[in-house]
């Protein structure tokens, strides 16, 4: 077989119509071109993401979440443009395709309402950057660290090393506490009750020293000691300090509790606990001994048979 015959066979194969889409015949060469454009778009996306990351670090941006968010937005933009170019290359008019599939699109919209809602929420999160990777959040009462943000859901890890998948719509539509949005400073609070007979000025000073002794606290901020209330069995105080890593809040709170315990014990200040005082009436004390029957004693005129 000569080269001319081989080229003719390849030409016939390339011009073979594979299927018809929206009234347009799609040939084999168009499908190959479509695939090539998508692959080139992916390669361009990777290249631009690397360049963007280097450029951001050169400009002084060191937050991993900011860099990751910028790379994701750039990736989605390049892929979307590449997909549009690839579809136009096949010969399909996007406007006509959307018009022809309007009814189908509405039906799919209702069927995929939750998926589309999460998709739009993911775009909002990536654009606003109110939540980024490595942020520490409180979601539905649980403290989690964001590991990966996707276009549909966000993967986070709990303090128990459990990975959970959070729909992006939950992060957009509900109240979420972001401990690392502006900075990573947070307050650790501990309550303690002391006996009513304690010297309150001494208690406040001891609690202040206990807060200052915690290594995890921010050194530039002094502990705050508050007298909260007069309880039934104790005078209740709150000790609060500032720390930098909200992910270690439980460890810091444990250190503060231990410091409070040691300092109060060294100062001989009693940590109060619930007590119940029982007072006997004067009439009972003066009653004849034979009338003070023990509780649970069976009267002589009753039978248990």
C-alpha atoms as a PDB file:
ATOM      1  CA  UNK A   1       0.000   0.000   0.000  1.00  0.00           C
ATOM      2  CA  UNK A   2       1.449   3.344  -1.061  1.00  0.00           C
ATOM      3  CA  UNK A   3       1.667   6.462   1.086  1.00  0.00           C
ATOM      4  CA  UNK A   4      -1.074   8.106  -0.968  1.00  0.00           C
ATOM      5  CA  UNK A   5      -3.434   5.229  -0.248  1.00  0.00           C
ATOM      6  CA  UNK A   6      -2.585   5.354   3.485  1.00  0.00           C
ATOM      7  CA  UNK A   7      -3.249   9.090   3.591  1.00  0.00           C
ATOM      8  CA  UNK A   8      -6.511   8.624   1.721  1.00  0.00           C
ATOM      9  CA  UNK A   9      -7.633   5.949   4.182  1.00  0.00           C
ATOM     10  CA  UNK A  10      -6.738   8.157   7.141  1.00  0.00           C
ATOM     11  CA  UNK A  11      -8.586  11.056   5.539  1.00  0.00           C
ATOM     12  CA  UNK A  12     -11.725   8.939   5.082  1.00  0.00           C
ATOM     13  CA  UNK A  13     -11.447   7.761   8.701  1.00  0.00           C
ATOM     14  CA  UNK A  14     -11.006  11.299   9.972  1.00  0.00           C
ATOM     15  CA  UNK A  15     -14.035  12.525   8.039  1.00  0.00           C
ATOM     16  CA  UNK A  16     -16.251   9.664   9.179  1.00  0.00           C
ATOM     17  CA  UNK A  17     -19.362  10.922  10.979  1.00  0.00           C
ATOM     18  CA  UNK A  18     -19.590   9.360  14.417  1.00  0.00           C
ATOM     19  CA  UNK A  19     -22.846  10.904  15.670  1.00  0.00           C
ATOM     20  CA  UNK A  20     -25.100  13.917  15.330  1.00  0.00           C
ATOM     21  CA  UNK A  21     -25.416  16.416  18.182  1.00  0.00           C
ATOM     22  CA  UNK A  22     -27.884  19.329  18.088  1.00  0.00           C
ATOM     23  CA  UNK A  23     -28.198  18.969  14.339  1.00  0.00           C
ATOM     24  CA  UNK A  24     -24.425  18.976  13.779  1.00  0.00           C
ATOM     25  CA  UNK A  25     -22.570  15.985  12.415  1.00  0.00           C
ATOM     26  CA  UNK A  26     -19.573  15.217  14.613  1.00  0.00           C
ATOM     27  CA  UNK A  27     -16.659  13.654  12.743  1.00  0.00           C
ATOM     28  CA  UNK A  28     -13.794  11.608  14.117  1.00  0.00           C
ATOM     29  CA  UNK A  29     -11.267  14.388  13.503  1.00  0.00           C
ATOM     30  CA  UNK A  30     -13.469  16.749  15.527  1.00  0.00           C
ATOM     31  CA  UNK A  31     -13.529  14.349  18.463  1.00  0.00           C
ATOM     32  CA  UNK A  32      -9.729  14.025  18.340  1.00  0.00           C
ATOM     33  CA  UNK A  33      -9.422  17.802  18.215  1.00  0.00           C
ATOM     34  CA  UNK A  34     -11.817  18.094  21.173  1.00  0.00           C
ATOM     35  CA  UNK A  35      -9.694  15.717  23.261  1.00  0.00           C
ATOM     36  CA  UNK A  36      -6.476  17.499  22.321  1.00  0.00           C
ATOM     37  CA  UNK A  37      -7.897  20.892  23.311  1.00  0.00           C
ATOM     38  CA  UNK A  38      -9.038  19.523  26.702  1.00  0.00           C
ATOM     39  CA  UNK A  39      -5.610  17.987  27.351  1.00  0.00           C
ATOM     40  CA  UNK A  40      -3.887  21.234  26.359  1.00  0.00           C
ATOM     41  CA  UNK A  41      -6.237  23.141  28.679  1.00  0.00           C
ATOM     42  CA  UNK A  42      -5.296  20.859  31.576  1.00  0.00           C
ATOM     43  CA  UNK A  43      -1.592  21.355  30.819  1.00  0.00           C
ATOM     44  CA  UNK A  44      -2.005  25.139  30.599  1.00  0.00           C
ATOM     45  CA  UNK A  45      -3.929  25.085  33.882  1.00  0.00           C
ATOM     46  CA  UNK A  46      -1.111  23.248  35.654  1.00  0.00           C
ATOM     47  CA  UNK A  47       1.483  25.617  34.217  1.00  0.00           C
ATOM     48  CA  UNK A  48      -0.467  28.733  35.192  1.00  0.00           C
ATOM     49  CA  UNK A  49      -1.099  27.385  38.700  1.00  0.00           C
ATOM     50  CA  UNK A  50       2.615  26.867  39.249  1.00  0.00           C
ATOM     51  CA  UNK A  51       3.401  30.333  37.943  1.00  0.00           C
ATOM     52  CA  UNK A  52       0.651  31.866  40.090  1.00  0.00           C
ATOM     53  CA  UNK A  53       1.883  30.130  43.245  1.00  0.00           C
ATOM     54  CA  UNK A  54       5.444  31.351  42.659  1.00  0.00           C
ATOM     55  CA  UNK A  55       4.225  34.864  41.884  1.00  0.00           C
ATOM     56  CA  UNK A  56       2.093  35.032  45.052  1.00  0.00           C
ATOM     57  CA  UNK A  57       4.952  33.790  47.237  1.00  0.00           C
ATOM     58  CA  UNK A  58       7.245  36.342  45.611  1.00  0.00           C
ATOM     59  CA  UNK A  59       4.713  39.069  46.498  1.00  0.00           C
ATOM     60  CA  UNK A  60       4.800  38.003  50.153  1.00  0.00           C
ATOM     61  CA  UNK A  61       1.667  35.834  50.273  1.00  0.00           C
ATOM     62  CA  UNK A  62       2.532  32.898  52.512  1.00  0.00           C
ATOM     63  CA  UNK A  63      -0.930  31.635  53.519  1.00  0.00           C
ATOM     64  CA  UNK A  64      -1.451  28.183  52.047  1.00  0.00           C
ATOM     65  CA  UNK A  65      -5.217  28.691  51.955  1.00  0.00           C
ATOM     66  CA  UNK A  66      -4.958  31.857  49.847  1.00  0.00           C
ATOM     67  CA  UNK A  67      -2.586  30.233  47.368  1.00  0.00           C
ATOM     68  CA  UNK A  68      -4.728  27.077  47.112  1.00  0.00           C
ATOM     69  CA  UNK A  69      -7.886  29.107  46.531  1.00  0.00           C
ATOM     70  CA  UNK A  70      -6.268  31.194  43.787  1.00  0.00           C
ATOM     71  CA  UNK A  71      -5.004  28.062  42.061  1.00  0.00           C
ATOM     72  CA  UNK A  72      -8.445  26.423  42.146  1.00  0.00           C
ATOM     73  CA  UNK A  73     -10.199  29.466  40.699  1.00  0.00           C
ATOM     74  CA  UNK A  74      -7.599  29.693  37.934  1.00  0.00           C
ATOM     75  CA  UNK A  75      -7.953  25.978  37.193  1.00  0.00           C
ATOM     76  CA  UNK A  76     -11.744  26.149  36.866  1.00  0.00           C
ATOM     77  CA  UNK A  77     -11.528  29.252  34.656  1.00  0.00           C
ATOM     78  CA  UNK A  78      -9.005  27.688  32.260  1.00  0.00           C
ATOM     79  CA  UNK A  79     -10.906  24.406  32.026  1.00  0.00           C
ATOM     80  CA  UNK A  80     -14.182  26.232  31.383  1.00  0.00           C
ATOM     81  CA  UNK A  81     -12.617  28.308  28.594  1.00  0.00           C
ATOM     82  CA  UNK A  82     -10.977  25.224  27.094  1.00  0.00           C
ATOM     83  CA  UNK A  83     -14.254  23.324  27.168  1.00  0.00           C
ATOM     84  CA  UNK A  84     -16.036  26.156  25.390  1.00  0.00           C
ATOM     85  CA  UNK A  85     -13.353  26.349  22.696  1.00  0.00           C
ATOM     86  CA  UNK A  86     -13.409  22.566  22.264  1.00  0.00           C
ATOM     87  CA  UNK A  87     -17.184  22.513  21.808  1.00  0.00           C
ATOM     88  CA  UNK A  88     -17.013  25.339  19.277  1.00  0.00           C
ATOM     89  CA  UNK A  89     -14.268  23.445  17.431  1.00  0.00           C
ATOM     90  CA  UNK A  90     -16.556  20.470  16.959  1.00  0.00           C
ATOM     91  CA  UNK A  91     -18.918  22.808  15.171  1.00  0.00           C
ATOM     92  CA  UNK A  92     -21.613  23.054  17.802  1.00  0.00           C
ATOM     93  CA  UNK A  93     -23.069  26.485  18.443  1.00  0.00           C
ATOM     94  CA  UNK A  94     -23.259  26.903  22.205  1.00  0.00           C
ATOM     95  CA  UNK A  95     -26.140  29.359  21.936  1.00  0.00           C
ATOM     96  CA  UNK A  96     -28.174  26.991  19.796  1.00  0.00           C
ATOM     97  CA  UNK A  97     -27.281  24.086  22.077  1.00  0.00           C
ATOM     98  CA  UNK A  98     -28.455  25.927  25.158  1.00  0.00           C
ATOM     99  CA  UNK A  99     -31.643  27.023  23.409  1.00  0.00           C
ATOM    100  CA  UNK A 100     -32.376  23.492  22.215  1.00  0.00           C
ATOM    101  CA  UNK A 101     -31.706  22.008  25.601  1.00  0.00           C
ATOM    102  CA  UNK A 102     -33.499  24.642  27.669  1.00  0.00           C
ATOM    103  CA  UNK A 103     -36.322  22.314  28.662  1.00  0.00           C
ATOM    104  CA  UNK A 104     -33.877  19.514  29.487  1.00  0.00           C
ATOM    105  CA  UNK A 105     -31.734  21.947  31.463  1.00  0.00           C
ATOM    106  CA  UNK A 106     -34.726  23.007  33.574  1.00  0.00           C
ATOM    107  CA  UNK A 107     -35.600  19.377  34.284  1.00  0.00           C
ATOM    108  CA  UNK A 108     -32.009  18.579  35.195  1.00  0.00           C
ATOM    109  CA  UNK A 109     -31.909  21.685  37.341  1.00  0.00           C
ATOM    110  CA  UNK A 110     -34.762  20.430  39.493  1.00  0.00           C
ATOM    111  CA  UNK A 111     -33.318  16.918  39.627  1.00  0.00           C
ATOM    112  CA  UNK A 112     -29.829  18.145  40.517  1.00  0.00           C
ATOM    113  CA  UNK A 113     -30.888  21.009  42.745  1.00  0.00           C
ATOM    114  CA  UNK A 114     -28.701  20.021  45.688  1.00  0.00           C
ATOM    115  CA  UNK A 115     -25.666  19.369  43.491  1.00  0.00           C
ATOM    116  CA  UNK A 116     -26.024  22.725  41.733  1.00  0.00           C
ATOM    117  CA  UNK A 117     -26.561  24.444  45.075  1.00  0.00           C
ATOM    118  CA  UNK A 118     -23.342  22.971  46.433  1.00  0.00           C
ATOM    119  CA  UNK A 119     -21.529  23.872  43.198  1.00  0.00           C
ATOM    120  CA  UNK A 120     -22.585  27.527  43.393  1.00  0.00           C
ATOM    121  CA  UNK A 121     -21.723  27.598  47.110  1.00  0.00           C
ATOM    122  CA  UNK A 122     -18.267  26.212  46.313  1.00  0.00           C
ATOM    123  CA  UNK A 123     -17.673  28.988  43.779  1.00  0.00           C
ATOM    124  CA  UNK A 124     -18.786  31.584  46.358  1.00  0.00           C
ATOM    125  CA  UNK A 125     -16.434  30.174  48.994  1.00  0.00           C
ATOM    126  CA  UNK A 126     -13.501  30.127  46.590  1.00  0.00           C
ATOM    127  CA  UNK A 127     -14.223  33.663  45.414  1.00  0.00           C
ATOM    128  CA  UNK A 128     -14.823  35.245  48.824  1.00  0.00           C
ATOM    129  CA  UNK A 129     -12.029  33.301  50.570  1.00  0.00           C
ATOM    130  CA  UNK A 130     -13.941  33.551  53.860  1.00  0.00           C
ATOM    131  CA  UNK A 131     -12.968  29.896  54.379  1.00  0.00           C
ATOM    132  CA  UNK A 132      -9.677  28.539  53.062  1.00  0.00           C
ATOM    133  CA  UNK A 133      -7.671  25.365  53.471  1.00  0.00           C
ATOM    134  CA  UNK A 134      -6.004  24.903  56.885  1.00  0.00           C
ATOM    135  CA  UNK A 135      -8.650  27.096  58.600  1.00  0.00           C
ATOM    136  CA  UNK A 136     -10.039  25.934  61.943  1.00  0.00           C
ATOM    137  CA  UNK A 137     -13.841  26.035  62.016  1.00  0.00           C
ATOM    138  CA  UNK A 138     -16.692  25.223  64.337  1.00  0.00           C
ATOM    139  CA  UNK A 139     -19.388  23.488  62.299  1.00  0.00           C
ATOM    140  CA  UNK A 140     -22.487  22.006  63.937  1.00  0.00           C
ATOM    141  CA  UNK A 141     -20.813  22.055  67.336  1.00  0.00           C
ATOM    142  CA  UNK A 142     -17.613  20.320  66.171  1.00  0.00           C
ATOM    143  CA  UNK A 143     -14.156  21.817  65.786  1.00  0.00           C
ATOM    144  CA  UNK A 144     -12.637  20.838  62.423  1.00  0.00           C
ATOM    145  CA  UNK A 145      -9.651  21.789  60.288  1.00  0.00           C
ATOM    146  CA  UNK A 146     -10.234  22.273  56.563  1.00  0.00           C
ATOM    147  CA  UNK A 147      -8.087  19.846  54.592  1.00  0.00           C
ATOM    148  CA  UNK A 148      -9.352  20.269  51.024  1.00  0.00           C
ATOM    149  CA  UNK A 149     -11.942  22.508  49.407  1.00  0.00           C
ATOM    150  CA  UNK A 150     -13.715  21.079  46.390  1.00  0.00           C
ATOM    151  CA  UNK A 151     -16.256  22.571  44.057  1.00  0.00           C
ATOM    152  CA  UNK A 152     -19.058  20.466  45.606  1.00  0.00           C
ATOM    153  CA  UNK A 153     -17.924  19.640  49.148  1.00  0.00           C
ATOM    154  CA  UNK A 154     -15.211  20.441  51.662  1.00  0.00           C
ATOM    155  CA  UNK A 155     -13.146  17.755  53.363  1.00  0.00           C
ATOM    156  CA  UNK A 156     -12.285  18.498  56.999  1.00  0.00           C
ATOM    157  CA  UNK A 157     -10.648  16.614  59.854  1.00  0.00           C
ATOM    158  CA  UNK A 158     -11.841  16.527  63.441  1.00  0.00           C
ATOM    159  CA  UNK A 159      -9.701  16.459  66.562  1.00  0.00           C
ATOM    160  CA  UNK A 160     -10.310  12.718  66.735  1.00  0.00           C
ATOM    161  CA  UNK A 161      -8.544  12.326  63.348  1.00  0.00           C
ATOM    162  CA  UNK A 162     -11.837  11.638  61.582  1.00  0.00           C
ATOM    163  CA  UNK A 163     -12.333  13.033  58.096  1.00  0.00           C
ATOM    164  CA  UNK A 164     -15.783  14.396  57.358  1.00  0.00           C
ATOM    165  CA  UNK A 165     -17.279  15.660  54.099  1.00  0.00           C
ATOM    166  CA  UNK A 166     -19.227  18.906  54.491  1.00  0.00           C
ATOM    167  CA  UNK A 167     -21.498  20.087  51.656  1.00  0.00           C
ATOM    168  CA  UNK A 168     -20.488  23.581  50.591  1.00  0.00           C
ATOM    169  CA  UNK A 169     -24.081  24.792  50.930  1.00  0.00           C
ATOM    170  CA  UNK A 170     -23.894  24.081  54.674  1.00  0.00           C
ATOM    171  CA  UNK A 171     -20.877  26.372  54.993  1.00  0.00           C
ATOM    172  CA  UNK A 172     -22.588  29.167  53.057  1.00  0.00           C
ATOM    173  CA  UNK A 173     -26.117  29.025  54.476  1.00  0.00           C
ATOM    174  CA  UNK A 174     -25.411  28.303  58.157  1.00  0.00           C
ATOM    175  CA  UNK A 175     -23.457  30.168  60.807  1.00  0.00           C
ATOM    176  CA  UNK A 176     -19.853  28.979  60.908  1.00  0.00           C
ATOM    177  CA  UNK A 177     -17.209  30.139  63.358  1.00  0.00           C
ATOM    178  CA  UNK A 178     -13.835  30.609  61.660  1.00  0.00           C
ATOM    179  CA  UNK A 179     -11.165  30.839  64.354  1.00  0.00           C
ATOM    180  CA  UNK A 180      -8.448  31.723  61.843  1.00  0.00           C
ATOM    181  CA  UNK A 181     -10.231  34.177  59.525  1.00  0.00           C
ATOM    182  CA  UNK A 182      -8.511  37.381  60.661  1.00  0.00           C
ATOM    183  CA  UNK A 183      -5.936  35.901  63.029  1.00  0.00           C
ATOM    184  CA  UNK A 184      -5.433  32.757  65.061  1.00  0.00           C
ATOM    185  CA  UNK A 185      -5.903  34.332  68.513  1.00  0.00           C
ATOM    186  CA  UNK A 186      -8.642  32.908  70.713  1.00  0.00           C
ATOM    187  CA  UNK A 187      -9.608  32.908  74.385  1.00  0.00           C
ATOM    188  CA  UNK A 188      -9.561  29.946  76.729  1.00  0.00           C
ATOM    189  CA  UNK A 189     -11.932  30.216  79.692  1.00  0.00           C
ATOM    190  CA  UNK A 190     -12.017  28.130  82.864  1.00  0.00           C
ATOM    191  CA  UNK A 191     -14.403  28.395  85.818  1.00  0.00           C
ATOM    192  CA  UNK A 192     -13.553  27.623  89.409  1.00  0.00           C
ATOM    193  CA  UNK A 193     -15.433  28.033  92.688  1.00  0.00           C
ATOM    194  CA  UNK A 194     -13.831  28.826  96.037  1.00  0.00           C
ATOM    195  CA  UNK A 195     -15.218  28.636  99.556  1.00  0.00           C
ATOM    196  CA  UNK A 196     -17.087  31.638 100.940  1.00  0.00           C
ATOM    197  CA  UNK A 197     -14.582  32.014 103.752  1.00  0.00           C
ATOM    198  CA  UNK A 198     -11.692  32.687 101.344  1.00  0.00           C
ATOM    199  CA  UNK A 199      -9.901  36.015 101.013  1.00  0.00           C
ATOM    200  CA  UNK A 200     -11.247  37.178  97.654  1.00  0.00           C
ATOM    201  CA  UNK A 201      -8.376  39.586  96.970  1.00  0.00           C
ATOM    202  CA  UNK A 202      -5.941  36.739  97.533  1.00  0.00           C
ATOM    203  CA  UNK A 203      -8.005  34.465  95.284  1.00  0.00           C
ATOM    204  CA  UNK A 204      -7.888  36.983  92.432  1.00  0.00           C
ATOM    205  CA  UNK A 205      -4.116  37.382  92.768  1.00  0.00           C
ATOM    206  CA  UNK A 206      -3.538  33.626  92.862  1.00  0.00           C
ATOM    207  CA  UNK A 207      -5.720  33.075  89.811  1.00  0.00           C
ATOM    208  CA  UNK A 208      -3.843  35.814  87.965  1.00  0.00           C
ATOM    209  CA  UNK A 209      -0.531  34.102  88.716  1.00  0.00           C
ATOM    210  CA  UNK A 210      -2.007  30.780  87.587  1.00  0.00           C
ATOM    211  CA  UNK A 211      -3.028  32.264  84.243  1.00  0.00           C
ATOM    212  CA  UNK A 212       0.386  33.857  83.727  1.00  0.00           C
ATOM    213  CA  UNK A 213       2.124  30.537  84.343  1.00  0.00           C
ATOM    214  CA  UNK A 214       0.520  28.817  81.334  1.00  0.00           C
ATOM    215  CA  UNK A 215       3.146  28.431  78.618  1.00  0.00           C
ATOM    216  CA  UNK A 216       0.654  28.320  75.747  1.00  0.00           C
ATOM    217  CA  UNK A 217      -0.758  31.799  76.408  1.00  0.00           C
ATOM    218  CA  UNK A 218       0.117  34.893  74.391  1.00  0.00           C
ATOM    219  CA  UNK A 219       2.686  36.743  76.459  1.00  0.00           C
ATOM    220  CA  UNK A 220       1.552  40.215  75.423  1.00  0.00           C
ATOM    221  CA  UNK A 221      -1.924  39.848  76.933  1.00  0.00           C
ATOM    222  CA  UNK A 222      -2.638  39.553  80.646  1.00  0.00           C
ATOM    223  CA  UNK A 223      -5.104  37.016  82.053  1.00  0.00           C
ATOM    224  CA  UNK A 224      -8.593  38.289  82.857  1.00  0.00           C
ATOM    225  CA  UNK A 225     -10.101  37.314  86.218  1.00  0.00           C
ATOM    226  CA  UNK A 226     -13.850  37.796  86.666  1.00  0.00           C
ATOM    227  CA  UNK A 227     -16.085  37.116  89.651  1.00  0.00           C
ATOM    228  CA  UNK A 228     -19.099  35.602  87.941  1.00  0.00           C
ATOM    229  CA  UNK A 229     -21.634  34.925  90.670  1.00  0.00           C
ATOM    230  CA  UNK A 230     -22.289  33.838  94.224  1.00  0.00           C
ATOM    231  CA  UNK A 231     -23.323  30.217  93.923  1.00  0.00           C
ATOM    232  CA  UNK A 232     -25.093  27.975  96.416  1.00  0.00           C
ATOM    233  CA  UNK A 233     -21.863  26.461  97.712  1.00  0.00           C
ATOM    234  CA  UNK A 234     -19.096  28.632  96.225  1.00  0.00           C
ATOM    235  CA  UNK A 235     -17.996  31.980  94.884  1.00  0.00           C
ATOM    236  CA  UNK A 236     -17.492  31.360  91.162  1.00  0.00           C
ATOM    237  CA  UNK A 237     -14.621  32.916  89.199  1.00  0.00           C
ATOM    238  CA  UNK A 238     -13.666  32.767  85.529  1.00  0.00           C
ATOM    239  CA  UNK A 239     -10.058  32.793  84.376  1.00  0.00           C
ATOM    240  CA  UNK A 240      -9.423  33.541  80.691  1.00  0.00           C
ATOM    241  CA  UNK A 241      -6.192  33.730  78.715  1.00  0.00           C
ATOM    242  CA  UNK A 242      -5.325  34.308  75.053  1.00  0.00           C
ATOM    243  CA  UNK A 243      -3.676  31.599  72.976  1.00  0.00           C
ATOM    244  CA  UNK A 244      -2.576  31.331  69.336  1.00  0.00           C
ATOM    245  CA  UNK A 245      -3.466  27.855  68.070  1.00  0.00           C
ATOM    246  CA  UNK A 246      -7.230  27.158  68.318  1.00  0.00           C
ATOM    247  CA  UNK A 247      -6.648  23.564  67.223  1.00  0.00           C
ATOM    248  CA  UNK A 248      -4.959  22.916  70.606  1.00  0.00           C
ATOM    249  CA  UNK A 249      -7.703  24.566  72.665  1.00  0.00           C
ATOM    250  CA  UNK A 250      -8.369  21.446  74.760  1.00  0.00           C
ATOM    251  CA  UNK A 251      -4.684  21.075  75.591  1.00  0.00           C
ATOM    252  CA  UNK A 252      -4.428  24.737  76.572  1.00  0.00           C
ATOM    253  CA  UNK A 253      -7.552  24.516  78.724  1.00  0.00           C
ATOM    254  CA  UNK A 254      -6.118  21.465  80.477  1.00  0.00           C
ATOM    255  CA  UNK A 255      -2.885  23.347  81.187  1.00  0.00           C
ATOM    256  CA  UNK A 256      -4.858  26.274  82.606  1.00  0.00           C
ATOM    257  CA  UNK A 257      -6.945  23.986  84.822  1.00  0.00           C
ATOM    258  CA  UNK A 258      -3.821  22.300  86.183  1.00  0.00           C
ATOM    259  CA  UNK A 259      -2.212  25.678  86.862  1.00  0.00           C
ATOM    260  CA  UNK A 260      -5.316  26.856  88.750  1.00  0.00           C
ATOM    261  CA  UNK A 261      -5.367  23.660  90.811  1.00  0.00           C
ATOM    262  CA  UNK A 262      -1.700  23.899  91.788  1.00  0.00           C
ATOM    263  CA  UNK A 263      -1.769  27.590  92.670  1.00  0.00           C
ATOM    264  CA  UNK A 264      -4.923  27.335  94.776  1.00  0.00           C
ATOM    265  CA  UNK A 265      -3.540  24.291  96.559  1.00  0.00           C
ATOM    266  CA  UNK A 266      -0.204  25.994  97.292  1.00  0.00           C
ATOM    267  CA  UNK A 267      -2.082  29.022  98.647  1.00  0.00           C
ATOM    268  CA  UNK A 268      -4.279  26.782 100.856  1.00  0.00           C
ATOM    269  CA  UNK A 269      -7.429  28.080  99.183  1.00  0.00           C
ATOM    270  CA  UNK A 270     -10.266  25.568  99.168  1.00  0.00           C
ATOM    271  CA  UNK A 271     -11.910  24.715  95.869  1.00  0.00           C
ATOM    272  CA  UNK A 272     -15.546  24.501  96.905  1.00  0.00           C
ATOM    273  CA  UNK A 273     -17.880  21.631  96.131  1.00  0.00           C
ATOM    274  CA  UNK A 274     -21.631  21.235  96.675  1.00  0.00           C
ATOM    275  CA  UNK A 275     -22.568  20.767 100.347  1.00  0.00           C
ATOM    276  CA  UNK A 276     -25.829  20.133 102.160  1.00  0.00           C
ATOM    277  CA  UNK A 277     -26.361  21.254 105.756  1.00  0.00           C
ATOM    278  CA  UNK A 278     -29.105  19.432 107.735  1.00  0.00           C
ATOM    279  CA  UNK A 279     -30.595  21.233 110.756  1.00  0.00           C
ATOM    280  CA  UNK A 280     -32.830  19.425 113.275  1.00  0.00           C
ATOM    281  CA  UNK A 281     -35.746  21.391 114.664  1.00  0.00           C
ATOM    282  CA  UNK A 282     -35.740  22.240 118.369  1.00  0.00           C
ATOM    283  CA  UNK A 283     -38.986  20.299 118.863  1.00  0.00           C
ATOM    284  CA  UNK A 284     -37.321  17.095 117.672  1.00  0.00           C
ATOM    285  CA  UNK A 285     -34.358  17.560 120.005  1.00  0.00           C
ATOM    286  CA  UNK A 286     -36.634  17.987 123.047  1.00  0.00           C
ATOM    287  CA  UNK A 287     -38.927  15.064 122.192  1.00  0.00           C
ATOM    288  CA  UNK A 288     -38.843  11.933 124.424  1.00  0.00           C
ATOM    289  CA  UNK A 289     -36.331   9.329 123.343  1.00  0.00           C
ATOM    290  CA  UNK A 290     -38.985   6.601 122.968  1.00  0.00           C
ATOM    291  CA  UNK A 291     -40.850   8.697 120.370  1.00  0.00           C
ATOM    292  CA  UNK A 292     -37.800   9.037 118.105  1.00  0.00           C
ATOM    293  CA  UNK A 293     -38.298   5.869 116.190  1.00  0.00           C
ATOM    294  CA  UNK A 294     -35.647   5.020 113.593  1.00  0.00           C
ATOM    295  CA  UNK A 295     -36.638   5.496 110.000  1.00  0.00           C
ATOM    296  CA  UNK A 296     -37.899   2.267 108.520  1.00  0.00           C
ATOM    297  CA  UNK A 297     -38.834   0.611 111.846  1.00  0.00           C
ATOM    298  CA  UNK A 298     -42.132  -1.250 111.660  1.00  0.00           C
ATOM    299  CA  UNK A 299     -44.782  -0.044 114.167  1.00  0.00           C
ATOM    300  CA  UNK A 300     -45.805  -2.765 116.667  1.00  0.00           C
ATOM    301  CA  UNK A 301     -49.469  -2.767 115.555  1.00  0.00           C
ATOM    302  CA  UNK A 302     -48.659  -3.586 111.951  1.00  0.00           C
ATOM    303  CA  UNK A 303     -47.881  -6.973 110.499  1.00  0.00           C
ATOM    304  CA  UNK A 304     -45.875  -7.750 107.418  1.00  0.00           C
ATOM    305  CA  UNK A 305     -47.702 -11.104 106.846  1.00  0.00           C
END
